[in-house]
Amino acid sequence: MSPTLGDLEQLVLLALLRLGHDAFGIAVQQEIASRTRRDVSLGAVYTTLARLEQKGYVTTRVGDPTPVRGGRRKKHYRVQAAGRRVLAAAMADLRALTEGLPAMELT
């Protein structure tokens, strides 16, 4: 059985890919909100990012501390090849299931 992704895992991976290299948590949250009109908590985003990292789908890099952040470091995330593959498989499954269906109107 091939690995599967949950709905939020898919959204987070897609947001990371849209944002490019070295995206960070709040940018992921904002990208999801602006493109899907979903209000996903920052905690849910970070929990999902940690799970994706555990699965080997994303990697993190910790930036240098900055005065703007009160001396805290920012964690940057990047999608790995395994993450791209599992996301492509999930998207192919969705396309296969929706192929031939009449266009859906959502109001």
PDB file of N, CA and C in Angstrom:
ATOM      1  N   MET A   1       0.847  -1.180   0.000  1.00  0.00           N
ATOM      2  CA  MET A   1       0.000   0.000   0.000  1.00  0.00           C
ATOM      3  C   MET A   1       0.893   1.244   0.000  1.00  0.00           C
ATOM      4  N   SER A   2       0.559   2.187  -0.867  1.00  0.00           N
ATOM      5  CA  SER A   2       1.370   3.400  -0.941  1.00  0.00           C
ATOM      6  C   SER A   2       0.967   4.380   0.153  1.00  0.00           C
ATOM      7  N   PRO A   3       1.894   5.246   0.541  1.00  0.00           N
ATOM      8  CA  PRO A   3       1.590   6.217   1.599  1.00  0.00           C
ATOM      9  C   PRO A   3       0.482   7.171   1.159  1.00  0.00           C
ATOM     10  N   THR A   4      -0.279   7.621   2.121  1.00  0.00           N
ATOM     11  CA  THR A   4      -1.357   8.562   1.830  1.00  0.00           C
ATOM     12  C   THR A   4      -1.136   9.849   2.614  1.00  0.00           C
ATOM     13  N   LEU A   5      -1.811  10.884   2.169  1.00  0.00           N
ATOM     14  CA  LEU A   5      -1.741  12.182   2.832  1.00  0.00           C
ATOM     15  C   LEU A   5      -3.128  12.594   3.283  1.00  0.00           C
ATOM     16  N   GLY A   6      -3.193  13.204   4.444  1.00  0.00           N
ATOM     17  CA  GLY A   6      -4.439  13.796   4.894  1.00  0.00           C
ATOM     18  C   GLY A   6      -4.687  15.102   4.151  1.00  0.00           C
ATOM     19  N   ASP A   7      -5.895  15.608   4.267  1.00  0.00           N
ATOM     20  CA  ASP A   7      -6.296  16.839   3.591  1.00  0.00           C
ATOM     21  C   ASP A   7      -5.376  18.009   3.949  1.00  0.00           C
ATOM     22  N   LEU A   8      -5.143  18.212   5.236  1.00  0.00           N
ATOM     23  CA  LEU A   8      -4.296  19.333   5.655  1.00  0.00           C
ATOM     24  C   LEU A   8      -2.845  19.117   5.224  1.00  0.00           C
ATOM     25  N   GLU A   9      -2.381  17.877   5.226  1.00  0.00           N
ATOM     26  CA  GLU A   9      -1.024  17.600   4.744  1.00  0.00           C
ATOM     27  C   GLU A   9      -0.892  18.006   3.275  1.00  0.00           C
ATOM     28  N   GLN A  10      -1.911  17.696   2.475  1.00  0.00           N
ATOM     29  CA  GLN A  10      -1.889  18.095   1.068  1.00  0.00           C
ATOM     30  C   GLN A  10      -1.850  19.613   0.933  1.00  0.00           C
ATOM     31  N   LEU A  11      -2.700  20.295   1.693  1.00  0.00           N
ATOM     32  CA  LEU A  11      -2.741  21.757   1.619  1.00  0.00           C
ATOM     33  C   LEU A  11      -1.407  22.377   2.024  1.00  0.00           C
ATOM     34  N   VAL A  12      -0.802  21.854   3.076  1.00  0.00           N
ATOM     35  CA  VAL A  12       0.475  22.401   3.548  1.00  0.00           C
ATOM     36  C   VAL A  12       1.573  22.170   2.508  1.00  0.00           C
ATOM     37  N   LEU A  13       1.638  20.977   1.932  1.00  0.00           N
ATOM     38  CA  LEU A  13       2.644  20.714   0.898  1.00  0.00           C
ATOM     39  C   LEU A  13       2.434  21.622  -0.314  1.00  0.00           C
ATOM     40  N   LEU A  14       1.185  21.787  -0.732  1.00  0.00           N
ATOM     41  CA  LEU A  14       0.903  22.665  -1.867  1.00  0.00           C
ATOM     42  C   LEU A  14       1.290  24.109  -1.558  1.00  0.00           C
ATOM     43  N   ALA A  15       0.987  24.564  -0.354  1.00  0.00           N
ATOM     44  CA  ALA A  15       1.355  25.929   0.043  1.00  0.00           C
ATOM     45  C   ALA A  15       2.872  26.091   0.046  1.00  0.00           C
ATOM     46  N   LEU A  16       3.586  25.103   0.571  1.00  0.00           N
ATOM     47  CA  LEU A  16       5.053  25.166   0.576  1.00  0.00           C
ATOM     48  C   LEU A  16       5.598  25.262  -0.847  1.00  0.00           C
ATOM     49  N   LEU A  17       5.032  24.474  -1.750  1.00  0.00           N
ATOM     50  CA  LEU A  17       5.495  24.509  -3.138  1.00  0.00           C
ATOM     51  C   LEU A  17       5.205  25.868  -3.775  1.00  0.00           C
ATOM     52  N   ARG A  18       4.058  26.437  -3.488  1.00  0.00           N
ATOM     53  CA  ARG A  18       3.709  27.758  -4.035  1.00  0.00           C
ATOM     54  C   ARG A  18       4.635  28.838  -3.485  1.00  0.00           C
ATOM     55  N   LEU A  19       4.993  28.728  -2.221  1.00  0.00           N
ATOM     56  CA  LEU A  19       5.823  29.748  -1.577  1.00  0.00           C
ATOM     57  C   LEU A  19       7.292  29.648  -1.963  1.00  0.00           C
ATOM     58  N   GLY A  20       7.714  28.489  -2.422  1.00  0.00           N
ATOM     59  CA  GLY A  20       9.102  28.320  -2.833  1.00  0.00           C
ATOM     60  C   GLY A  20       9.993  27.911  -1.675  1.00  0.00           C
ATOM     61  N   HIS A  21      11.292  27.968  -1.912  1.00  0.00           N
ATOM     62  CA  HIS A  21      12.274  27.521  -0.923  1.00  0.00           C
ATOM     63  C   HIS A  21      12.201  28.342   0.353  1.00  0.00           C
ATOM     64  N   ASP A  22      12.426  27.657   1.430  1.00  0.00           N
ATOM     65  CA  ASP A  22      12.563  28.297   2.736  1.00  0.00           C
ATOM     66  C   ASP A  22      11.311  29.032   3.209  1.00  0.00           C
ATOM     67  N   ALA A  23      10.145  28.439   2.970  1.00  0.00           N
ATOM     68  CA  ALA A  23       8.895  29.002   3.485  1.00  0.00           C
ATOM     69  C   ALA A  23       8.840  28.774   4.993  1.00  0.00           C
ATOM     70  N   PHE A  24       8.050  29.567   5.682  1.00  0.00           N
ATOM     71  CA  PHE A  24       7.919  29.409   7.124  1.00  0.00           C
ATOM     72  C   PHE A  24       6.445  29.319   7.504  1.00  0.00           C
ATOM     73  N   GLY A  25       6.179  28.897   8.743  1.00  0.00           N
ATOM     74  CA  GLY A  25       4.845  28.524   9.199  1.00  0.00           C
ATOM     75  C   GLY A  25       3.745  29.525   8.954  1.00  0.00           C
ATOM     76  N   ILE A  26       3.938  30.773   9.347  1.00  0.00           N
ATOM     77  CA  ILE A  26       2.853  31.748   9.208  1.00  0.00           C
ATOM     78  C   ILE A  26       2.556  32.047   7.743  1.00  0.00           C
ATOM     79  N   ALA A  27       3.580  32.000   6.893  1.00  0.00           N
ATOM     80  CA  ALA A  27       3.362  32.197   5.458  1.00  0.00           C
ATOM     81  C   ALA A  27       2.532  31.052   4.889  1.00  0.00           C
ATOM     82  N   VAL A  28       2.770  29.833   5.371  1.00  0.00           N
ATOM     83  CA  VAL A  28       1.986  28.673   4.947  1.00  0.00           C
ATOM     84  C   VAL A  28       0.527  28.869   5.361  1.00  0.00           C
ATOM     85  N   GLN A  29       0.313  29.276   6.597  1.00  0.00           N
ATOM     86  CA  GLN A  29      -1.044  29.518   7.094  1.00  0.00           C
ATOM     87  C   GLN A  29      -1.747  30.572   6.236  1.00  0.00           C
ATOM     88  N   GLN A  30      -1.075  31.654   5.935  1.00  0.00           N
ATOM     89  CA  GLN A  30      -1.658  32.734   5.138  1.00  0.00           C
ATOM     90  C   GLN A  30      -1.936  32.297   3.705  1.00  0.00           C
ATOM     91  N   GLU A  31      -1.047  31.502   3.141  1.00  0.00           N
ATOM     92  CA  GLU A  31      -1.239  31.002   1.773  1.00  0.00           C
ATOM     93  C   GLU A  31      -2.479  30.114   1.705  1.00  0.00           C
ATOM     94  N   ILE A  32      -2.627  29.230   2.669  1.00  0.00           N
ATOM     95  CA  ILE A  32      -3.808  28.361   2.706  1.00  0.00           C
ATOM     96  C   ILE A  32      -5.072  29.205   2.859  1.00  0.00           C
ATOM     97  N   ALA A  33      -5.049  30.160   3.767  1.00  0.00           N
ATOM     98  CA  ALA A  33      -6.228  31.002   4.015  1.00  0.00           C
ATOM     99  C   ALA A  33      -6.609  31.809   2.774  1.00  0.00           C
ATOM    100  N   SER A  34      -5.632  32.373   2.096  1.00  0.00           N
ATOM    101  CA  SER A  34      -5.941  33.236   0.952  1.00  0.00           C
ATOM    102  C   SER A  34      -6.425  32.454  -0.258  1.00  0.00           C
ATOM    103  N   ARG A  35      -5.982  31.226  -0.405  1.00  0.00           N
ATOM    104  CA  ARG A  35      -6.347  30.455  -1.591  1.00  0.00           C
ATOM    105  C   ARG A  35      -7.529  29.518  -1.377  1.00  0.00           C
ATOM    106  N   THR A  36      -7.808  29.159  -0.133  1.00  0.00           N
ATOM    107  CA  THR A  36      -8.885  28.189   0.117  1.00  0.00           C
ATOM    108  C   THR A  36     -10.020  28.753   0.951  1.00  0.00           C
ATOM    109  N   ARG A  37      -9.841  29.925   1.510  1.00  0.00           N
ATOM    110  CA  ARG A  37     -10.813  30.524   2.425  1.00  0.00           C
ATOM    111  C   ARG A  37     -11.026  29.646   3.664  1.00  0.00           C
ATOM    112  N   ARG A  38     -10.023  28.869   4.018  1.00  0.00           N
ATOM    113  CA  ARG A  38     -10.065  28.052   5.236  1.00  0.00           C
ATOM    114  C   ARG A  38      -9.286  28.751   6.329  1.00  0.00           C
ATOM    115  N   ASP A  39      -9.840  28.717   7.517  1.00  0.00           N
ATOM    116  CA  ASP A  39      -9.170  29.306   8.673  1.00  0.00           C
ATOM    117  C   ASP A  39      -8.468  28.181   9.430  1.00  0.00           C
ATOM    118  N   VAL A  40      -7.208  27.953   9.101  1.00  0.00           N
ATOM    119  CA  VAL A  40      -6.421  26.892   9.733  1.00  0.00           C
ATOM    120  C   VAL A  40      -5.556  27.541  10.803  1.00  0.00           C
ATOM    121  N   SER A  41      -5.609  27.008  12.007  1.00  0.00           N
ATOM    122  CA  SER A  41      -4.824  27.599  13.092  1.00  0.00           C
ATOM    123  C   SER A  41      -3.331  27.395  12.839  1.00  0.00           C
ATOM    124  N   LEU A  42      -2.545  28.308  13.365  1.00  0.00           N
ATOM    125  CA  LEU A  42      -1.096  28.200  13.229  1.00  0.00           C
ATOM    126  C   LEU A  42      -0.589  26.934  13.909  1.00  0.00           C
ATOM    127  N   GLY A  43      -1.205  26.564  15.030  1.00  0.00           N
ATOM    128  CA  GLY A  43      -0.833  25.328  15.717  1.00  0.00           C
ATOM    129  C   GLY A  43      -1.043  24.107  14.839  1.00  0.00           C
ATOM    130  N   ALA A  44      -2.154  24.086  14.098  1.00  0.00           N
ATOM    131  CA  ALA A  44      -2.425  22.964  13.191  1.00  0.00           C
ATOM    132  C   ALA A  44      -1.404  22.925  12.062  1.00  0.00           C
ATOM    133  N   VAL A  45      -1.005  24.091  11.581  1.00  0.00           N
ATOM    134  CA  VAL A  45       0.009  24.150  10.522  1.00  0.00           C
ATOM    135  C   VAL A  45       1.332  23.593  11.035  1.00  0.00           C
ATOM    136  N   TYR A  46       1.760  24.031  12.227  1.00  0.00           N
ATOM    137  CA  TYR A  46       3.039  23.555  12.770  1.00  0.00           C
ATOM    138  C   TYR A  46       2.997  22.069  13.117  1.00  0.00           C
ATOM    139  N   THR A  47       1.866  21.583  13.608  1.00  0.00           N
ATOM    140  CA  THR A  47       1.727  20.150  13.890  1.00  0.00           C
ATOM    141  C   THR A  47       1.852  19.355  12.599  1.00  0.00           C
ATOM    142  N   THR A  48       1.216  19.845  11.547  1.00  0.00           N
ATOM    143  CA  THR A  48       1.271  19.170  10.250  1.00  0.00           C
ATOM    144  C   THR A  48       2.677  19.227   9.666  1.00  0.00           C
ATOM    145  N   LEU A  49       3.340  20.367   9.777  1.00  0.00           N
ATOM    146  CA  LEU A  49       4.720  20.473   9.299  1.00  0.00           C
ATOM    147  C   LEU A  49       5.637  19.491  10.026  1.00  0.00           C
ATOM    148  N   ALA A  50       5.455  19.354  11.336  1.00  0.00           N
ATOM    149  CA  ALA A  50       6.273  18.409  12.114  1.00  0.00           C
ATOM    150  C   ALA A  50       6.019  16.979  11.654  1.00  0.00           C
ATOM    151  N   ARG A  51       4.753  16.653  11.396  1.00  0.00           N
ATOM    152  CA  ARG A  51       4.409  15.305  10.935  1.00  0.00           C
ATOM    153  C   ARG A  51       5.006  15.049   9.550  1.00  0.00           C
ATOM    154  N   LEU A  52       4.931  16.041   8.663  1.00  0.00           N
ATOM    155  CA  LEU A  52       5.506  15.892   7.325  1.00  0.00           C
ATOM    156  C   LEU A  52       7.024  15.741   7.388  1.00  0.00           C
ATOM    157  N   GLU A  53       7.647  16.423   8.333  1.00  0.00           N
ATOM    158  CA  GLU A  53       9.094  16.279   8.513  1.00  0.00           C
ATOM    159  C   GLU A  53       9.429  14.877   9.016  1.00  0.00           C
ATOM    160  N   GLN A  54       8.625  14.378   9.951  1.00  0.00           N
ATOM    161  CA  GLN A  54       8.832  13.021  10.483  1.00  0.00           C
ATOM    162  C   GLN A  54       8.724  11.975   9.380  1.00  0.00           C
ATOM    163  N   LYS A  55       7.820  12.199   8.447  1.00  0.00           N
ATOM    164  CA  LYS A  55       7.611  11.265   7.340  1.00  0.00           C
ATOM    165  C   LYS A  55       8.674  11.409   6.250  1.00  0.00           C
ATOM    166  N   GLY A  56       9.517  12.430   6.348  1.00  0.00           N
ATOM    167  CA  GLY A  56      10.562  12.645   5.353  1.00  0.00           C
ATOM    168  C   GLY A  56      10.101  13.424   4.134  1.00  0.00           C
ATOM    169  N   TYR A  57       8.955  14.103   4.222  1.00  0.00           N
ATOM    170  CA  TYR A  57       8.413  14.847   3.090  1.00  0.00           C
ATOM    171  C   TYR A  57       8.880  16.299   3.054  1.00  0.00           C
ATOM    172  N   VAL A  58       9.279  16.833   4.196  1.00  0.00           N
ATOM    173  CA  VAL A  58       9.839  18.185   4.248  1.00  0.00           C
ATOM    174  C   VAL A  58      11.079  18.171   5.133  1.00  0.00           C
ATOM    175  N   THR A  59      11.938  19.145   4.920  1.00  0.00           N
ATOM    176  CA  THR A  59      13.082  19.346   5.805  1.00  0.00           C
ATOM    177  C   THR A  59      13.007  20.763   6.354  1.00  0.00           C
ATOM    178  N   THR A  60      13.709  20.969   7.448  1.00  0.00           N
ATOM    179  CA  THR A  60      13.718  22.294   8.055  1.00  0.00           C
ATOM    180  C   THR A  60      15.145  22.814   8.143  1.00  0.00           C
ATOM    181  N   ARG A  61      15.213  24.123   8.133  1.00  0.00           N
ATOM    182  CA  ARG A  61      16.469  24.819   8.364  1.00  0.00           C
ATOM    183  C   ARG A  61      16.144  25.939   9.342  1.00  0.00           C
ATOM    184  N   VAL A  62      16.938  26.051  10.379  1.00  0.00           N
ATOM    185  CA  VAL A  62      16.715  27.095  11.375  1.00  0.00           C
ATOM    186  C   VAL A  62      17.589  28.291  11.019  1.00  0.00           C
ATOM    187  N   GLY A  63      16.940  29.440  10.868  1.00  0.00           N
ATOM    188  CA  GLY A  63      17.654  30.666  10.515  1.00  0.00           C
ATOM    189  C   GLY A  63      18.361  31.272  11.714  1.00  0.00           C
ATOM    190  N   ASP A  64      19.073  32.325  11.449  1.00  0.00           N
ATOM    191  CA  ASP A  64      19.780  33.047  12.509  1.00  0.00           C
ATOM    192  C   ASP A  64      18.786  33.841  13.355  1.00  0.00           C
ATOM    193  N   PRO A  65      19.106  34.050  14.623  1.00  0.00           N
ATOM    194  CA  PRO A  65      18.236  34.888  15.453  1.00  0.00           C
ATOM    195  C   PRO A  65      18.264  36.333  14.942  1.00  0.00           C
ATOM    196  N   THR A  66      17.123  36.991  15.043  1.00  0.00           N
ATOM    197  CA  THR A  66      17.052  38.385  14.601  1.00  0.00           C
ATOM    198  C   THR A  66      16.457  39.248  15.705  1.00  0.00           C
ATOM    199  N   PRO A  67      16.879  40.490  15.789  1.00  0.00           N
ATOM    200  CA  PRO A  67      16.316  41.402  16.796  1.00  0.00           C
ATOM    201  C   PRO A  67      14.820  41.624  16.592  1.00  0.00           C
ATOM    202  N   VAL A  68      14.380  41.621  15.337  1.00  0.00           N
ATOM    203  CA  VAL A  68      12.961  41.818  15.033  1.00  0.00           C
ATOM    204  C   VAL A  68      12.114  40.730  15.684  1.00  0.00           C
ATOM    205  N   ARG A  69      12.662  39.529  15.785  1.00  0.00           N
ATOM    206  CA  ARG A  69      11.940  38.404  16.386  1.00  0.00           C
ATOM    207  C   ARG A  69      12.318  38.227  17.853  1.00  0.00           C
ATOM    208  N   GLY A  70      12.866  39.246  18.454  1.00  0.00           N
ATOM    209  CA  GLY A  70      13.243  39.158  19.864  1.00  0.00           C
ATOM    210  C   GLY A  70      14.367  38.169  20.110  1.00  0.00           C
ATOM    211  N   GLY A  71      15.239  37.995  19.119  1.00  0.00           N
ATOM    212  CA  GLY A  71      16.355  37.070  19.255  1.00  0.00           C
ATOM    213  C   GLY A  71      16.004  35.623  18.947  1.00  0.00           C
ATOM    214  N   ARG A  72      14.762  35.382  18.552  1.00  0.00           N
ATOM    215  CA  ARG A  72      14.357  34.002  18.225  1.00  0.00           C
ATOM    216  C   ARG A  72      14.731  33.666  16.788  1.00  0.00           C
ATOM    217  N   ARG A  73      14.849  32.370  16.564  1.00  0.00           N
ATOM    218  CA  ARG A  73      15.177  31.879  15.225  1.00  0.00           C
ATOM    219  C   ARG A  73      13.893  31.496  14.491  1.00  0.00           C
ATOM    220  N   LYS A  74      13.902  31.651  13.186  1.00  0.00           N
ATOM    221  CA  LYS A  74      12.765  31.268  12.353  1.00  0.00           C
ATOM    222  C   LYS A  74      13.082  29.935  11.684  1.00  0.00           C
ATOM    223  N   LYS A  75      12.109  29.022  11.693  1.00  0.00           N
ATOM    224  CA  LYS A  75      12.268  27.730  11.041  1.00  0.00           C
ATOM    225  C   LYS A  75      11.760  27.833   9.606  1.00  0.00           C
ATOM    226  N   HIS A  76      12.577  27.412   8.664  1.00  0.00           N
ATOM    227  CA  HIS A  76      12.226  27.439   7.247  1.00  0.00           C
ATOM    228  C   HIS A  76      11.995  26.000   6.785  1.00  0.00           C
ATOM    229  N   TYR A  77      10.996  25.800   5.931  1.00  0.00           N
ATOM    230  CA  TYR A  77      10.610  24.466   5.478  1.00  0.00           C
ATOM    231  C   TYR A  77      10.779  24.355   3.973  1.00  0.00           C
ATOM    232  N   ARG A  78      11.156  23.152   3.535  1.00  0.00           N
ATOM    233  CA  ARG A  78      11.343  22.876   2.116  1.00  0.00           C
ATOM    234  C   ARG A  78      10.805  21.479   1.805  1.00  0.00           C
ATOM    235  N   VAL A  79      10.055  21.359   0.707  1.00  0.00           N
ATOM    236  CA  VAL A  79       9.503  20.065   0.290  1.00  0.00           C
ATOM    237  C   VAL A  79      10.619  19.239  -0.340  1.00  0.00           C
ATOM    238  N   GLN A  80      10.702  17.984   0.068  1.00  0.00           N
ATOM    239  CA  GLN A  80      11.693  17.058  -0.472  1.00  0.00           C
ATOM    240  C   GLN A  80      11.088  16.237  -1.610  1.00  0.00           C
ATOM    241  N   ALA A  81      11.924  15.504  -2.322  1.00  0.00           N
ATOM    242  CA  ALA A  81      11.463  14.696  -3.455  1.00  0.00           C
ATOM    243  C   ALA A  81      10.370  13.717  -3.030  1.00  0.00           C
ATOM    244  N   ALA A  82      10.519  13.102  -1.865  1.00  0.00           N
ATOM    245  CA  ALA A  82       9.501  12.154  -1.391  1.00  0.00           C
ATOM    246  C   ALA A  82       8.163  12.860  -1.177  1.00  0.00           C
ATOM    247  N   GLY A  83       8.197  14.095  -0.707  1.00  0.00           N
ATOM    248  CA  GLY A  83       6.978  14.874  -0.522  1.00  0.00           C
ATOM    249  C   GLY A  83       6.322  15.209  -1.849  1.00  0.00           C
ATOM    250  N   ARG A  84       7.130  15.527  -2.839  1.00  0.00           N
ATOM    251  CA  ARG A  84       6.594  15.809  -4.179  1.00  0.00           C
ATOM    252  C   ARG A  84       5.946  14.563  -4.767  1.00  0.00           C
ATOM    253  N   ARG A  85       6.593  13.420  -4.571  1.00  0.00           N
ATOM    254  CA  ARG A  85       6.057  12.170  -5.120  1.00  0.00           C
ATOM    255  C   ARG A  85       4.724  11.797  -4.486  1.00  0.00           C
ATOM    256  N   VAL A  86       4.648  11.850  -3.152  1.00  0.00           N
ATOM    257  CA  VAL A  86       3.417  11.453  -2.480  1.00  0.00           C
ATOM    258  C   VAL A  86       2.294  12.442  -2.793  1.00  0.00           C
ATOM    259  N   LEU A  87       2.621  13.714  -2.937  1.00  0.00           N
ATOM    260  CA  LEU A  87       1.616  14.712  -3.301  1.00  0.00           C
ATOM    261  C   LEU A  87       1.136  14.484  -4.734  1.00  0.00           C
ATOM    262  N   ALA A  88       2.044  14.188  -5.648  1.00  0.00           N
ATOM    263  CA  ALA A  88       1.660  13.910  -7.036  1.00  0.00           C
ATOM    264  C   ALA A  88       0.729  12.705  -7.103  1.00  0.00           C
ATOM    265  N   ALA A  89       1.010  11.681  -6.298  1.00  0.00           N
ATOM    266  CA  ALA A  89       0.150  10.494  -6.268  1.00  0.00           C
ATOM    267  C   ALA A  89      -1.239  10.845  -5.735  1.00  0.00           C
ATOM    268  N   ALA A  90      -1.297  11.665  -4.694  1.00  0.00           N
ATOM    269  CA  ALA A  90      -2.589  12.078  -4.129  1.00  0.00           C
ATOM    270  C   ALA A  90      -3.384  12.891  -5.147  1.00  0.00           C
ATOM    271  N   MET A  91      -2.706  13.781  -5.857  1.00  0.00           N
ATOM    272  CA  MET A  91      -3.385  14.599  -6.863  1.00  0.00           C
ATOM    273  C   MET A  91      -3.876  13.731  -8.027  1.00  0.00           C
ATOM    274  N   ALA A  92      -3.092  12.728  -8.417  1.00  0.00           N
ATOM    275  CA  ALA A  92      -3.509  11.814  -9.485  1.00  0.00           C
ATOM    276  C   ALA A  92      -4.752  11.037  -9.066  1.00  0.00           C
ATOM    277  N   ASP A  93      -4.800  10.615  -7.801  1.00  0.00           N
ATOM    278  CA  ASP A  93      -5.988   9.918  -7.295  1.00  0.00           C
ATOM    279  C   ASP A  93      -7.218  10.810  -7.379  1.00  0.00           C
ATOM    280  N   LEU A  94      -7.075  12.067  -6.992  1.00  0.00           N
ATOM    281  CA  LEU A  94      -8.203  13.006  -7.062  1.00  0.00           C
ATOM    282  C   LEU A  94      -8.655  13.223  -8.503  1.00  0.00           C
ATOM    283  N   ARG A  95      -7.699  13.379  -9.412  1.00  0.00           N
ATOM    284  CA  ARG A  95      -8.057  13.558 -10.824  1.00  0.00           C
ATOM    285  C   ARG A  95      -8.793  12.333 -11.353  1.00  0.00           C
ATOM    286  N   ALA A  96      -8.320  11.138 -10.984  1.00  0.00           N
ATOM    287  CA  ALA A  96      -8.960   9.908 -11.448  1.00  0.00           C
ATOM    288  C   ALA A  96     -10.395   9.806 -10.937  1.00  0.00           C
ATOM    289  N   LEU A  97     -10.614  10.218  -9.698  1.00  0.00           N
ATOM    290  CA  LEU A  97     -11.959  10.148  -9.126  1.00  0.00           C
ATOM    291  C   LEU A  97     -12.903  11.190  -9.711  1.00  0.00           C
ATOM    292  N   THR A  98     -12.384  12.325 -10.117  1.00  0.00           N
ATOM    293  CA  THR A  98     -13.249  13.391 -10.627  1.00  0.00           C
ATOM    294  C   THR A  98     -13.391  13.372 -12.143  1.00  0.00           C
ATOM    295  N   GLU A  99     -12.575  12.583 -12.813  1.00  0.00           N
ATOM    296  CA  GLU A  99     -12.628  12.526 -14.271  1.00  0.00           C
ATOM    297  C   GLU A  99     -14.010  12.069 -14.729  1.00  0.00           C
ATOM    298  N   GLY A 100     -14.575  12.808 -15.654  1.00  0.00           N
ATOM    299  CA  GLY A 100     -15.870  12.442 -16.210  1.00  0.00           C
ATOM    300  C   GLY A 100     -17.065  12.939 -15.421  1.00  0.00           C
ATOM    301  N   LEU A 101     -16.839  13.477 -14.241  1.00  0.00           N
ATOM    302  CA  LEU A 101     -17.954  14.026 -13.470  1.00  0.00           C
ATOM    303  C   LEU A 101     -18.355  15.369 -14.066  1.00  0.00           C
ATOM    304  N   PRO A 102     -19.648  15.683 -14.011  1.00  0.00           N
ATOM    305  CA  PRO A 102     -20.038  17.017 -14.477  1.00  0.00           C
ATOM    306  C   PRO A 102     -19.431  18.081 -13.566  1.00  0.00           C
ATOM    307  N   ALA A 103     -19.213  19.240 -14.124  1.00  0.00           N
ATOM    308  CA  ALA A 103     -18.658  20.343 -13.328  1.00  0.00           C
ATOM    309  C   ALA A 103     -19.552  20.592 -12.126  1.00  0.00           C
ATOM    310  N   MET A 104     -18.927  20.733 -10.967  1.00  0.00           N
ATOM    311  CA  MET A 104     -19.690  20.946  -9.739  1.00  0.00           C
ATOM    312  C   MET A 104     -19.794  22.430  -9.465  1.00  0.00           C
ATOM    313  N   GLU A 105     -20.984  22.845  -9.106  1.00  0.00           N
ATOM    314  CA  GLU A 105     -21.180  24.232  -8.707  1.00  0.00           C
ATOM    315  C   GLU A 105     -21.263  24.289  -7.203  1.00  0.00           C
ATOM    316  N   LEU A 106     -20.406  25.082  -6.613  1.00  0.00           N
ATOM    317  CA  LEU A 106     -20.427  25.262  -5.172  1.00  0.00           C
ATOM    318  C   LEU A 106     -20.908  26.666  -4.878  1.00  0.00           C
ATOM    319  N   THR A 107     -21.902  26.747  -4.030  1.00  0.00           N
ATOM    320  CA  THR A 107     -22.407  28.083  -3.677  1.00  0.00           C
ATOM    321  C   THR A 107     -22.180  28.364  -2.230  1.00  0.00           C
TER     322      THR A 107
END
